[in-house]
């Protein structure tokens, strides 16, 4: 009974009483279920951190229970950061655990599509909800751009994976159909897009185009005369969790001084406290006075400007 009430408050269900030490807090989570990847893309900003570590069902269950008991509102659980989630064969079961422990909490993950099969696509879709978002990532919009980043022979299997996921969604009951999309690193907006990709995109709910993420946080649409000095949106609002359970302050954090705790050893309350304190130090002293954030070009942002 207690777990049911706590789960309801964590998903923001109307009419429930918020409980737990973090009641009223809003959090965004990037949580690796795998620390490894089946590719070594040229432009991957996390590949130097890949490691052969997979999250177990018990570890995932314990983390969700900790989230549910906190009373916080989890805006989204993003199930990949440094690794490819499909390298963990327990992914479908982890989605089922979400349904048991934090029902209604939206999940998002990106996959390169190479490991998708008819069987695992159907298993994943069987555990999703319409609020979930699953992206198959594409680079450049055509074979040349894609394989230039990901390696020869990666184009056709990616399109095949996307098609299998779309087929599984179309065969599922309406209450199990997630939002499926294409997530493209756009290298040149003048490039000619592949006709097969265009045809598949018409079956997708969205096609998101972005610039590649750089380790320095550079964002092309924003031009600063001076480097930004305030905290970015991520710091203090987002928990970025590695497959080993270490929690970092942002997606560009790879050093020990960016850690604010470990989700398996520390309380969520202490982790959030450390993250919020980190944000306050940046706001008080300026980004250049914080060694971990010094020189980062990520734009400033508040909780009212989520990404």
Protein backbone atom coordinates (compact mmCIF):
# COMPACT_ATOMS: atom_id res chain seq x y z
CA UNK A 1 0.00 0.00 0.00
CA UNK A 2 2.79 2.43 0.85
CA UNK A 3 4.64 1.63 -2.37
CA UNK A 4 1.50 2.27 -4.42
CA UNK A 5 1.00 5.70 -2.83
CA UNK A 6 4.63 6.61 -3.30
CA UNK A 7 4.60 5.54 -6.94
CA UNK A 8 1.54 7.67 -7.56
CA UNK A 9 3.16 10.76 -6.11
CA UNK A 10 6.37 10.22 -8.06
CA UNK A 11 4.48 10.27 -11.37
CA UNK A 12 2.49 13.36 -10.51
CA UNK A 13 -0.93 11.63 -10.55
CA UNK A 14 -3.66 14.13 -9.73
CA UNK A 15 -5.37 13.83 -6.37
CA UNK A 16 -2.57 11.98 -4.56
CA UNK A 17 -0.75 13.18 -1.47
CA UNK A 18 2.94 13.80 -2.05
CA UNK A 19 5.22 11.94 0.32
CA UNK A 20 8.89 11.33 0.78
CA UNK A 21 11.92 13.51 1.49
CA UNK A 22 11.95 15.04 -2.01
CA UNK A 23 8.23 15.72 -2.35
CA UNK A 24 7.65 18.61 -4.75
CA UNK A 25 11.07 18.32 -6.44
CA UNK A 26 11.27 17.94 -10.24
CA UNK A 27 14.09 15.82 -11.62
CA UNK A 28 15.32 14.68 -15.02
CA UNK A 29 17.35 11.45 -15.14
CA UNK A 30 19.81 10.09 -17.69
CA UNK A 31 20.57 6.56 -16.51
CA UNK A 32 22.76 4.14 -18.43
CA UNK A 33 21.58 0.55 -18.47
CA UNK A 34 24.77 -0.28 -20.34
CA UNK A 35 28.22 1.25 -20.24
CA UNK A 36 29.24 -0.28 -23.53
CA UNK A 37 28.44 0.30 -27.19
CA UNK A 38 28.66 -1.81 -30.33
CA UNK A 39 30.04 1.15 -32.30
CA UNK A 40 32.95 3.59 -31.98
CA UNK A 41 31.53 6.55 -33.86
CA UNK A 42 33.92 9.25 -35.01
CA UNK A 43 31.88 12.04 -33.39
CA UNK A 44 30.76 10.28 -30.21
CA UNK A 45 31.46 12.54 -27.24
CA UNK A 46 31.26 9.66 -24.74
CA UNK A 47 33.26 6.87 -26.40
CA UNK A 48 36.32 7.38 -24.20
CA UNK A 49 34.09 6.40 -21.26
CA UNK A 50 32.67 3.18 -22.72
CA UNK A 51 33.24 0.16 -20.49
CA UNK A 52 31.89 -3.41 -20.44
CA UNK A 53 29.42 -2.86 -17.59
CA UNK A 54 25.74 -3.86 -17.71
CA UNK A 55 23.11 -2.94 -15.13
CA UNK A 56 21.36 -5.96 -13.59
CA UNK A 57 17.62 -6.25 -13.05
CA UNK A 58 18.13 -6.08 -9.29
CA UNK A 59 20.21 -2.90 -9.58
CA UNK A 60 17.61 -1.32 -11.85
CA UNK A 61 14.77 -2.36 -9.53
CA UNK A 62 16.55 -0.95 -6.49
CA UNK A 63 17.13 2.36 -8.24
CA UNK A 64 13.49 2.67 -9.30
CA UNK A 65 12.36 1.85 -5.77
CA UNK A 66 14.63 4.60 -4.47
CA UNK A 67 13.15 7.03 -6.99
CA UNK A 68 9.57 6.04 -6.15
CA UNK A 69 10.10 6.35 -2.40
CA UNK A 70 11.57 9.85 -2.72
CA UNK A 71 8.29 11.59 -3.55
CA UNK A 72 10.00 13.57 -6.34
CA UNK A 73 8.39 14.12 -9.72
CA UNK A 74 10.47 12.45 -12.41
CA UNK A 75 9.88 14.32 -15.63
CA UNK A 76 11.67 11.66 -17.67
CA UNK A 77 13.89 8.61 -17.27
CA UNK A 78 16.33 8.62 -20.18
CA UNK A 79 17.83 5.14 -20.39
CA UNK A 80 21.07 5.94 -22.13
CA UNK A 81 23.92 8.35 -21.70
CA UNK A 82 27.31 6.84 -22.45
CA UNK A 83 26.22 3.43 -23.73
CA UNK A 84 23.94 1.73 -26.26
CA UNK A 85 20.92 0.42 -24.31
CA UNK A 86 20.30 -2.51 -26.68
CA UNK A 87 23.61 -4.08 -25.60
CA UNK A 88 21.78 -4.92 -22.37
CA UNK A 89 19.46 -7.83 -23.20
CA UNK A 90 17.45 -7.06 -20.05
CA UNK A 91 16.09 -3.81 -21.51
CA UNK A 92 12.53 -5.09 -22.11
CA UNK A 93 12.41 -6.46 -18.57
CA UNK A 94 13.59 -3.10 -17.25
CA UNK A 95 10.72 -1.40 -19.03
CA UNK A 96 8.39 -3.89 -17.34
CA UNK A 97 9.89 -2.94 -13.97
CA UNK A 98 9.10 0.70 -14.73
CA UNK A 99 5.48 -0.34 -15.30
CA UNK A 100 5.43 -2.11 -11.93
CA UNK A 101 7.27 0.43 -9.78
CA UNK A 102 6.81 3.83 -11.46
CA UNK A 103 3.78 3.38 -13.73
CA UNK A 104 3.18 6.29 -16.06
CA UNK A 105 6.66 7.77 -15.68
CA UNK A 106 7.82 8.43 -19.26
CA UNK A 107 10.94 6.74 -20.53
CA UNK A 108 13.13 7.81 -23.43
CA UNK A 109 16.06 6.07 -25.02
CA UNK A 110 18.08 6.29 -28.21
CA UNK A 111 19.41 3.27 -30.09
CA UNK A 112 21.64 2.99 -33.13
CA UNK A 113 19.29 0.27 -34.36
CA UNK A 114 21.93 -2.31 -35.22
CA UNK A 115 20.88 -4.76 -32.51
CA UNK A 116 17.15 -4.56 -33.11
CA UNK A 117 15.44 -7.77 -34.23
CA UNK A 118 11.81 -8.70 -34.77
CA UNK A 119 11.84 -10.52 -31.42
CA UNK A 120 13.41 -7.86 -29.21
CA UNK A 121 11.50 -5.07 -30.97
CA UNK A 122 8.22 -6.79 -30.10
CA UNK A 123 9.41 -7.40 -26.51
CA UNK A 124 10.28 -3.73 -26.05
CA UNK A 125 7.06 -2.41 -27.56
CA UNK A 126 5.06 -4.78 -25.33
CA UNK A 127 6.33 -2.87 -22.28
CA UNK A 128 6.07 0.71 -23.54
CA UNK A 129 3.34 3.31 -23.12
CA UNK A 130 2.25 6.15 -25.43
CA UNK A 131 4.19 8.66 -23.30
CA UNK A 132 7.49 6.87 -24.00
CA UNK A 133 9.86 8.11 -26.68
CA UNK A 134 12.17 5.79 -28.59
CA UNK A 135 14.59 7.24 -31.13
CA UNK A 136 16.61 5.42 -33.75
CA UNK A 137 19.62 7.62 -34.39
CA UNK A 138 20.73 8.49 -37.92
CA UNK A 139 23.70 10.56 -39.02
CA UNK A 140 23.64 12.83 -42.04
CA UNK A 141 20.44 11.51 -43.58
CA UNK A 142 22.14 9.26 -46.12
CA UNK A 143 24.62 6.39 -46.38
CA UNK A 144 27.64 8.61 -46.93
CA UNK A 145 27.05 10.83 -43.91
CA UNK A 146 25.97 7.97 -41.68
CA UNK A 147 28.81 5.59 -42.46
CA UNK A 148 31.32 8.44 -42.42
CA UNK A 149 30.63 8.70 -38.69
CA UNK A 150 29.61 5.16 -37.75
CA UNK A 151 31.64 2.99 -40.05
CA UNK A 152 31.16 1.05 -43.26
CA UNK A 153 28.21 -1.31 -43.35
CA UNK A 154 26.17 0.46 -40.64
CA UNK A 155 23.56 2.16 -42.86
CA UNK A 156 21.37 -0.71 -44.04
CA UNK A 157 21.17 -2.46 -40.63
CA UNK A 158 20.12 0.81 -39.00
CA UNK A 159 17.26 1.28 -41.47
CA UNK A 160 16.27 -2.37 -41.02
CA UNK A 161 16.21 -1.90 -37.23
CA UNK A 162 14.02 1.18 -37.56
CA UNK A 163 11.60 -0.68 -39.79
CA UNK A 164 11.35 -3.63 -37.39
CA UNK A 165 10.62 -1.30 -34.50
CA UNK A 166 7.92 0.49 -36.53
CA UNK A 167 6.37 -2.86 -37.51
CA UNK A 168 6.29 -3.95 -33.86
CA UNK A 169 4.63 -0.69 -32.85
CA UNK A 170 2.00 -0.97 -35.58
CA UNK A 171 1.17 -4.53 -34.47
CA UNK A 172 0.75 -3.54 -30.81
CA UNK A 173 -2.38 -2.50 -28.98
CA UNK A 174 -2.91 1.30 -28.85
CA UNK A 175 -2.01 1.46 -25.15
CA UNK A 176 1.42 -0.05 -25.97
CA UNK A 177 2.40 2.21 -28.85
CA UNK A 178 5.22 4.60 -27.91
CA UNK A 179 6.27 7.72 -29.73
CA UNK A 180 8.87 6.53 -32.28
CA UNK A 181 11.21 8.96 -33.97
CA UNK A 182 14.37 9.53 -35.96
CA UNK A 183 17.16 11.45 -34.22
CA UNK A 184 19.58 12.84 -36.75
CA UNK A 185 22.95 14.48 -36.36
CA UNK A 186 22.62 16.98 -39.17
CA UNK A 187 25.94 17.64 -40.85
CA UNK A 188 24.71 19.60 -43.87
CA UNK A 189 21.12 20.74 -44.34
CA UNK A 190 21.73 20.85 -48.09
CA UNK A 191 22.44 17.11 -48.24
CA UNK A 192 20.18 14.86 -50.27
CA UNK A 193 18.19 12.55 -48.01
CA UNK A 194 17.95 8.84 -48.70
CA UNK A 195 14.60 7.83 -50.23
CA UNK A 196 14.20 4.75 -48.03
CA UNK A 197 14.80 6.86 -44.93
CA UNK A 198 12.21 9.39 -46.10
CA UNK A 199 9.66 6.60 -46.61
CA UNK A 200 10.31 5.24 -43.11
CA UNK A 201 10.13 8.73 -41.63
CA UNK A 202 6.53 9.01 -42.79
CA UNK A 203 5.69 6.22 -40.33
CA UNK A 204 7.48 8.01 -37.48
CA UNK A 205 5.95 10.48 -35.07
CA UNK A 206 8.92 12.86 -35.28
CA UNK A 207 12.23 13.56 -36.96
CA UNK A 208 14.58 15.58 -34.77
CA UNK A 209 17.68 17.19 -36.28
CA UNK A 210 20.52 18.35 -34.04
CA UNK A 211 24.16 19.36 -34.24
CA UNK A 212 26.67 16.92 -32.82
CA UNK A 213 27.33 17.29 -29.09
CA UNK A 214 30.82 18.53 -28.35
CA UNK A 215 32.72 17.87 -25.15
CA UNK A 216 33.22 21.62 -24.76
CA UNK A 217 29.45 22.21 -24.77
CA UNK A 218 29.55 24.40 -27.89
CA UNK A 219 26.14 25.11 -29.42
CA UNK A 220 26.20 26.69 -32.84
CA UNK A 221 22.92 28.61 -32.67
CA UNK A 222 24.21 30.61 -29.69
CA UNK A 223 26.99 33.13 -30.11
CA UNK A 224 28.50 34.54 -26.94
CA UNK A 225 30.83 37.50 -26.78
CA UNK A 226 31.94 36.08 -23.46
CA UNK A 227 31.69 32.51 -22.21
CA UNK A 228 28.46 31.83 -20.26
CA UNK A 229 29.01 32.13 -16.51
CA UNK A 230 25.79 30.90 -14.94
CA UNK A 231 24.79 27.25 -14.48
CA UNK A 232 23.29 25.30 -17.37
CA UNK A 233 19.88 23.64 -17.09
CA UNK A 234 21.39 20.22 -16.34
CA UNK A 235 23.29 21.14 -13.17
CA UNK A 236 21.12 20.60 -10.11
CA UNK A 237 18.08 19.48 -12.10
CA UNK A 238 19.42 16.42 -13.92
CA UNK A 239 21.00 13.28 -12.52
CA UNK A 240 23.36 11.61 -15.01
CA UNK A 241 24.01 8.06 -13.83
CA UNK A 242 26.63 5.70 -15.19
CA UNK A 243 26.20 1.94 -15.41
CA UNK A 244 28.31 1.72 -12.22
CA UNK A 245 25.85 3.96 -10.39
CA UNK A 246 28.01 7.10 -10.21
CA UNK A 247 25.89 10.24 -10.48
CA UNK A 248 27.30 13.23 -12.37
CA UNK A 249 26.07 16.80 -12.59
CA UNK A 250 25.65 16.91 -16.36
CA UNK A 251 25.95 14.98 -19.62
CA UNK A 252 29.37 16.50 -20.31
CA UNK A 253 30.78 15.37 -16.97
CA UNK A 254 33.44 12.67 -17.17
CA UNK A 255 35.79 13.65 -14.34
CA UNK A 256 35.65 12.66 -10.66
CA UNK A 257 35.04 16.27 -9.58
CA UNK A 258 31.72 16.16 -11.42
CA UNK A 259 30.36 13.31 -9.30
CA UNK A 260 27.73 14.10 -6.68
CA UNK A 261 27.22 10.59 -5.31
CA UNK A 262 26.44 6.99 -6.21
CA UNK A 263 22.84 5.89 -6.61
CA UNK A 264 23.57 2.45 -5.11
CA UNK A 265 25.44 3.64 -2.03
CA UNK A 266 23.99 7.05 -1.20
CA UNK A 267 20.51 8.33 -0.47
CA UNK A 268 18.76 10.14 -3.29
CA UNK A 269 18.19 13.04 -0.92
CA UNK A 270 21.93 13.49 -0.36
CA UNK A 271 22.65 13.22 -4.09
CA UNK A 272 20.09 15.87 -4.97
CA UNK A 273 21.39 18.07 -2.16
CA UNK A 274 24.94 17.81 -3.55
CA UNK A 275 23.73 18.56 -7.08
CA UNK A 276 21.75 21.62 -5.98
CA UNK A 277 24.71 22.83 -3.91
CA UNK A 278 26.90 22.44 -7.01
CA UNK A 279 24.48 24.66 -8.93
CA UNK A 280 24.51 27.27 -6.19
CA UNK A 281 28.33 27.43 -6.26
CA UNK A 282 28.29 28.12 -9.99
CA UNK A 283 25.59 30.77 -9.60
CA UNK A 284 27.47 32.42 -6.73
CA UNK A 285 31.06 32.26 -8.02
CA UNK A 286 30.65 32.07 -11.78
CA UNK A 287 31.40 29.14 -14.06
CA UNK A 288 35.05 30.04 -14.56
CA UNK A 289 35.67 29.64 -10.82
CA UNK A 290 34.50 26.01 -10.85
CA UNK A 291 37.28 23.83 -12.25
CA UNK A 292 34.92 21.18 -13.59
CA UNK A 293 32.80 23.71 -15.53
CA UNK A 294 35.49 26.21 -16.49
CA UNK A 295 35.43 26.99 -20.21
CA UNK A 296 32.25 25.00 -20.92
CA UNK A 297 30.13 26.69 -23.59
CA UNK A 298 26.82 25.01 -22.67
CA UNK A 299 24.09 27.63 -22.57
CA UNK A 300 22.72 28.85 -19.26
CA UNK A 301 19.30 27.55 -18.30
CA UNK A 302 16.74 27.20 -15.51
CA UNK A 303 14.25 24.54 -14.51
CA UNK A 304 11.65 26.36 -16.58
CA UNK A 305 13.73 25.78 -19.71
CA UNK A 306 14.10 21.97 -19.84
CA UNK A 307 15.76 20.19 -22.75
